[in-house]
Amino acid sequence: MALSAGTQAPSFTLKSKNASGLADVVVPAPGKKTVVLFFPLAFPGVCTQEFCDVTAGLSSYGDLNAEVIGISVDSPFAQEAWAQKEKIGITLVSDLNKAATNAYDVLFPGLAGIGDTSARAAFVVDANGVIQYAEQTPSPKELPDFNAIQAKLKELA
């Protein structure tokens, strides 16, 4: 069962790949409202739809002073290739060893017979590091309720 609202969010420094190389990204962003989106894998259709849609509306998150970070068990190199191919503008970080996935309790065992991945889950973490919204979808094919996420961010404004 995913961590619930009111819980202190676990903090991790994870790797992200960008044009200048590998970078350390602290999740959640210290002192900022952060939307943490766990997703199973780069490249599948549902994941691509989710992150292309969020990228298209990224300014609305910025308007609410929130940072959006996507986490999967892919390598940072696979994430970067996917982001470039699909023009994804969200910071993607690698949880290759599944430490963050396990800490947030969103491990999806045996996805499509290829191994354990992150489940599809969304967390809104306030500037003090407390989870204010938590959702794990019933199946990896379902998207989080982005209207509820935006409403929670507005509440925290």
C-alpha atoms as a PDB file:
ATOM      1  CA  MET A   1       0.000   0.000   0.000  1.00  0.00           C
ATOM      2  CA  ALA A   2       1.461   3.358  -1.063  1.00  0.00           C
ATOM      3  CA  LEU A   3       2.418   5.899   1.577  1.00  0.00           C
ATOM      4  CA  SER A   4      -0.555   7.997   2.626  1.00  0.00           C
ATOM      5  CA  ALA A   5      -1.244  11.697   2.997  1.00  0.00           C
ATOM      6  CA  GLY A   6       0.131  13.138   6.218  1.00  0.00           C
ATOM      7  CA  THR A   7       3.289  11.012   6.032  1.00  0.00           C
ATOM      8  CA  GLN A   8       6.748  12.566   5.815  1.00  0.00           C
ATOM      9  CA  ALA A   9       7.984  11.894   2.275  1.00  0.00           C
ATOM     10  CA  PRO A  10      11.165   9.850   2.025  1.00  0.00           C
ATOM     11  CA  SER A  11      13.943  11.871   0.408  1.00  0.00           C
ATOM     12  CA  PHE A  12      16.355  10.510  -2.182  1.00  0.00           C
ATOM     13  CA  THR A  13      19.102  11.770  -4.425  1.00  0.00           C
ATOM     14  CA  LEU A  14      18.597  10.073  -7.780  1.00  0.00           C
ATOM     15  CA  LYS A  15      20.347  10.339 -11.152  1.00  0.00           C
ATOM     16  CA  SER A  16      18.978  12.179 -14.157  1.00  0.00           C
ATOM     17  CA  LYS A  17      20.517  12.406 -17.627  1.00  0.00           C
ATOM     18  CA  ASN A  18      20.592  15.683 -19.466  1.00  0.00           C
ATOM     19  CA  ALA A  19      22.649  17.294 -22.225  1.00  0.00           C
ATOM     20  CA  SER A  20      25.559  17.979 -19.880  1.00  0.00           C
ATOM     21  CA  GLY A  21      25.703  14.458 -18.425  1.00  0.00           C
ATOM     22  CA  LEU A  22      24.434  12.803 -15.275  1.00  0.00           C
ATOM     23  CA  ALA A  23      23.006  15.058 -12.587  1.00  0.00           C
ATOM     24  CA  ASP A  24      21.889  14.452  -9.011  1.00  0.00           C
ATOM     25  CA  VAL A  25      18.260  15.351  -8.334  1.00  0.00           C
ATOM     26  CA  VAL A  26      16.828  15.453  -4.815  1.00  0.00           C
ATOM     27  CA  VAL A  27      13.296  14.059  -4.641  1.00  0.00           C
ATOM     28  CA  PRO A  28      11.112  15.656  -3.431  1.00  0.00           C
ATOM     29  CA  ALA A  29      12.576  19.058  -4.286  1.00  0.00           C
ATOM     30  CA  PRO A  30      13.708  20.601  -0.974  1.00  0.00           C
ATOM     31  CA  GLY A  31      11.568  23.547   0.115  1.00  0.00           C
ATOM     32  CA  LYS A  32       9.251  23.277  -2.920  1.00  0.00           C
ATOM     33  CA  LYS A  33       5.888  21.746  -3.637  1.00  0.00           C
ATOM     34  CA  THR A  34       6.639  18.649  -5.679  1.00  0.00           C
ATOM     35  CA  VAL A  35       4.511  16.308  -7.744  1.00  0.00           C
ATOM     36  CA  VAL A  36       6.274  12.929  -7.660  1.00  0.00           C
ATOM     37  CA  LEU A  37       5.068  10.641 -10.439  1.00  0.00           C
ATOM     38  CA  PHE A  38       6.144   7.004 -10.345  1.00  0.00           C
ATOM     39  CA  PHE A  39       5.692   5.158 -13.632  1.00  0.00           C
ATOM     40  CA  PRO A  40       6.508   1.601 -14.735  1.00  0.00           C
ATOM     41  CA  LEU A  41       8.821   2.101 -17.723  1.00  0.00           C
ATOM     42  CA  ALA A  42       9.903   4.534 -20.400  1.00  0.00           C
ATOM     43  CA  PHE A  43       8.441   4.000 -23.896  1.00  0.00           C
ATOM     44  CA  PRO A  44       5.117   2.103 -23.320  1.00  0.00           C
ATOM     45  CA  GLY A  45       2.053   3.909 -24.669  1.00  0.00           C
ATOM     46  CA  VAL A  46       0.343   4.743 -21.370  1.00  0.00           C
ATOM     47  CA  CYS A  47       3.560   6.138 -19.867  1.00  0.00           C
ATOM     48  CA  THR A  48       4.190   8.169 -23.010  1.00  0.00           C
ATOM     49  CA  GLN A  49       0.624   9.541 -22.949  1.00  0.00           C
ATOM     50  CA  GLU A  50       0.936  10.471 -19.273  1.00  0.00           C
ATOM     51  CA  PHE A  51       4.225  12.320 -19.621  1.00  0.00           C
ATOM     52  CA  CYS A  52       3.396  14.011 -22.913  1.00  0.00           C
ATOM     53  CA  ASP A  53       0.123  15.257 -21.387  1.00  0.00           C
ATOM     54  CA  VAL A  54       1.885  16.513 -18.252  1.00  0.00           C
ATOM     55  CA  THR A  55       4.575  18.171 -20.402  1.00  0.00           C
ATOM     56  CA  ALA A  56       1.849  19.930 -22.423  1.00  0.00           C
ATOM     57  CA  GLY A  57       0.409  21.325 -19.171  1.00  0.00           C
ATOM     58  CA  LEU A  58       3.722  21.872 -17.396  1.00  0.00           C
ATOM     59  CA  SER A  59       3.204  25.641 -17.157  1.00  0.00           C
ATOM     60  CA  SER A  60       0.080  25.072 -15.046  1.00  0.00           C
ATOM     61  CA  TYR A  61       2.239  23.287 -12.466  1.00  0.00           C
ATOM     62  CA  GLY A  62       4.787  26.091 -12.596  1.00  0.00           C
ATOM     63  CA  ASP A  63       1.975  28.609 -12.069  1.00  0.00           C
ATOM     64  CA  LEU A  64       1.188  26.710  -8.840  1.00  0.00           C
ATOM     65  CA  ASN A  65       4.872  26.862  -7.806  1.00  0.00           C
ATOM     66  CA  ALA A  66       5.220  23.104  -8.099  1.00  0.00           C
ATOM     67  CA  GLU A  67       7.983  21.019  -9.586  1.00  0.00           C
ATOM     68  CA  VAL A  68       7.111  17.747 -11.368  1.00  0.00           C
ATOM     69  CA  ILE A  69       9.517  14.807 -11.191  1.00  0.00           C
ATOM     70  CA  GLY A  70       9.008  11.427 -12.849  1.00  0.00           C
ATOM     71  CA  ILE A  71      10.586   8.288 -11.363  1.00  0.00           C
ATOM     72  CA  SER A  72      10.995   4.880 -12.984  1.00  0.00           C
ATOM     73  CA  VAL A  73      13.329   1.910 -12.628  1.00  0.00           C
ATOM     74  CA  ASP A  74      14.810   2.615 -16.085  1.00  0.00           C
ATOM     75  CA  SER A  75      18.400   3.754 -16.442  1.00  0.00           C
ATOM     76  CA  PRO A  76      18.865   7.514 -16.832  1.00  0.00           C
ATOM     77  CA  PHE A  77      20.119   6.838 -20.371  1.00  0.00           C
ATOM     78  CA  ALA A  78      16.884   5.054 -21.387  1.00  0.00           C
ATOM     79  CA  GLN A  79      14.854   7.850 -19.787  1.00  0.00           C
ATOM     80  CA  GLU A  80      16.792  10.510 -21.711  1.00  0.00           C
ATOM     81  CA  ALA A  81      16.350   8.667 -25.034  1.00  0.00           C
ATOM     82  CA  TRP A  82      12.597   8.440 -24.362  1.00  0.00           C
ATOM     83  CA  ALA A  83      12.372  12.096 -23.314  1.00  0.00           C
ATOM     84  CA  GLN A  84      14.162  13.218 -26.479  1.00  0.00           C
ATOM     85  CA  LYS A  85      12.060  10.987 -28.747  1.00  0.00           C
ATOM     86  CA  GLU A  86       8.750  12.107 -27.193  1.00  0.00           C
ATOM     87  CA  LYS A  87       9.768  15.710 -26.301  1.00  0.00           C
ATOM     88  CA  ILE A  88       9.091  15.144 -22.607  1.00  0.00           C
ATOM     89  CA  GLY A  89      10.013  18.241 -20.608  1.00  0.00           C
ATOM     90  CA  ILE A  90       9.680  16.843 -17.087  1.00  0.00           C
ATOM     91  CA  THR A  91      12.689  15.942 -14.989  1.00  0.00           C
ATOM     92  CA  LEU A  92      13.003  12.152 -15.105  1.00  0.00           C
ATOM     93  CA  VAL A  93      15.076  10.347 -12.498  1.00  0.00           C
ATOM     94  CA  SER A  94      16.293   6.783 -12.314  1.00  0.00           C
ATOM     95  CA  ASP A  95      15.429   4.508  -9.425  1.00  0.00           C
ATOM     96  CA  LEU A  96      17.351   1.598 -10.910  1.00  0.00           C
ATOM     97  CA  ASN A  97      17.914  -0.029  -7.498  1.00  0.00           C
ATOM     98  CA  LYS A  98      14.239   0.524  -6.545  1.00  0.00           C
ATOM     99  CA  ALA A  99      15.106   2.246  -3.245  1.00  0.00           C
ATOM    100  CA  ALA A 100      12.603   5.094  -3.719  1.00  0.00           C
ATOM    101  CA  THR A 101       9.996   2.735  -5.193  1.00  0.00           C
ATOM    102  CA  ASN A 102      10.247   0.525  -2.122  1.00  0.00           C
ATOM    103  CA  ALA A 103      10.318   3.450   0.340  1.00  0.00           C
ATOM    104  CA  TYR A 104       7.112   4.894  -1.150  1.00  0.00           C
ATOM    105  CA  ASP A 105       5.728   1.326  -1.201  1.00  0.00           C
ATOM    106  CA  VAL A 106       4.782   1.413  -4.887  1.00  0.00           C
ATOM    107  CA  LEU A 107       6.587  -1.669  -6.226  1.00  0.00           C
ATOM    108  CA  PHE A 108       4.696  -3.455  -9.007  1.00  0.00           C
ATOM    109  CA  PRO A 109       5.891  -7.070  -9.020  1.00  0.00           C
ATOM    110  CA  GLY A 110       6.468  -8.914 -12.273  1.00  0.00           C
ATOM    111  CA  LEU A 111       5.148  -6.415 -14.828  1.00  0.00           C
ATOM    112  CA  ALA A 112       4.355  -8.326 -18.041  1.00  0.00           C
ATOM    113  CA  GLY A 113       6.780 -11.050 -17.009  1.00  0.00           C
ATOM    114  CA  ILE A 114       9.808  -8.742 -17.347  1.00  0.00           C
ATOM    115  CA  GLY A 115      10.449  -7.977 -13.711  1.00  0.00           C
ATOM    116  CA  ASP A 116       9.562  -5.641 -10.885  1.00  0.00           C
ATOM    117  CA  THR A 117       8.926  -1.989 -11.727  1.00  0.00           C
ATOM    118  CA  SER A 118       7.404   1.040 -10.099  1.00  0.00           C
ATOM    119  CA  ALA A 119       3.619   1.069 -10.065  1.00  0.00           C
ATOM    120  CA  ARG A 120       1.860   4.081 -11.513  1.00  0.00           C
ATOM    121  CA  ALA A 121       1.479   6.427  -8.555  1.00  0.00           C
ATOM    122  CA  ALA A 122       1.307  10.135  -7.792  1.00  0.00           C
ATOM    123  CA  PHE A 123       2.243  12.076  -4.684  1.00  0.00           C
ATOM    124  CA  VAL A 124       1.943  15.775  -3.915  1.00  0.00           C
ATOM    125  CA  VAL A 125       4.561  16.757  -1.382  1.00  0.00           C
ATOM    126  CA  ASP A 126       4.374  20.167   0.291  1.00  0.00           C
ATOM    127  CA  ALA A 127       7.338  22.498   0.857  1.00  0.00           C
ATOM    128  CA  ASN A 128       7.860  20.926   4.311  1.00  0.00           C
ATOM    129  CA  GLY A 129       8.249  17.445   2.831  1.00  0.00           C
ATOM    130  CA  VAL A 130       4.860  16.114   3.952  1.00  0.00           C
ATOM    131  CA  ILE A 131       2.750  14.089   1.526  1.00  0.00           C
ATOM    132  CA  GLN A 132      -0.529  15.940   0.972  1.00  0.00           C
ATOM    133  CA  TYR A 133      -1.948  13.710  -1.774  1.00  0.00           C
ATOM    134  CA  ALA A 134      -1.232  10.048  -2.532  1.00  0.00           C
ATOM    135  CA  GLU A 135      -2.634   7.813  -5.249  1.00  0.00           C
ATOM    136  CA  GLN A 136      -1.585   4.481  -6.690  1.00  0.00           C
ATOM    137  CA  THR A 137      -3.662   3.451  -9.668  1.00  0.00           C
ATOM    138  CA  PRO A 138      -5.320   0.006  -9.578  1.00  0.00           C
ATOM    139  CA  SER A 139      -3.462  -1.017 -12.746  1.00  0.00           C
ATOM    140  CA  PRO A 140      -0.437   0.316 -14.667  1.00  0.00           C
ATOM    141  CA  LYS A 141      -2.792   1.055 -17.572  1.00  0.00           C
ATOM    142  CA  GLU A 142      -4.712   3.678 -15.582  1.00  0.00           C
ATOM    143  CA  LEU A 143      -3.554   7.268 -15.111  1.00  0.00           C
ATOM    144  CA  PRO A 144      -3.610   9.204 -11.847  1.00  0.00           C
ATOM    145  CA  ASP A 145      -6.351  11.777 -11.270  1.00  0.00           C
ATOM    146  CA  PHE A 146      -4.545  14.888 -12.474  1.00  0.00           C
ATOM    147  CA  ASN A 147      -7.564  17.094 -11.686  1.00  0.00           C
ATOM    148  CA  ALA A 148      -7.301  16.035  -8.025  1.00  0.00           C
ATOM    149  CA  ILE A 149      -3.538  16.641  -8.089  1.00  0.00           C
ATOM    150  CA  GLN A 150      -4.035  20.167  -9.458  1.00  0.00           C
ATOM    151  CA  ALA A 151      -6.798  20.849  -6.915  1.00  0.00           C
ATOM    152  CA  LYS A 152      -4.506  19.807  -4.060  1.00  0.00           C
ATOM    153  CA  LEU A 153      -1.719  22.053  -5.388  1.00  0.00           C
ATOM    154  CA  LYS A 154      -4.162  25.003  -5.518  1.00  0.00           C
ATOM    155  CA  GLU A 155      -5.201  24.241  -1.930  1.00  0.00           C
ATOM    156  CA  LEU A 156      -1.559  24.444  -0.853  1.00  0.00           C
ATOM    157  CA  ALA A 157      -1.007  27.803  -2.563  1.00  0.00           C
END
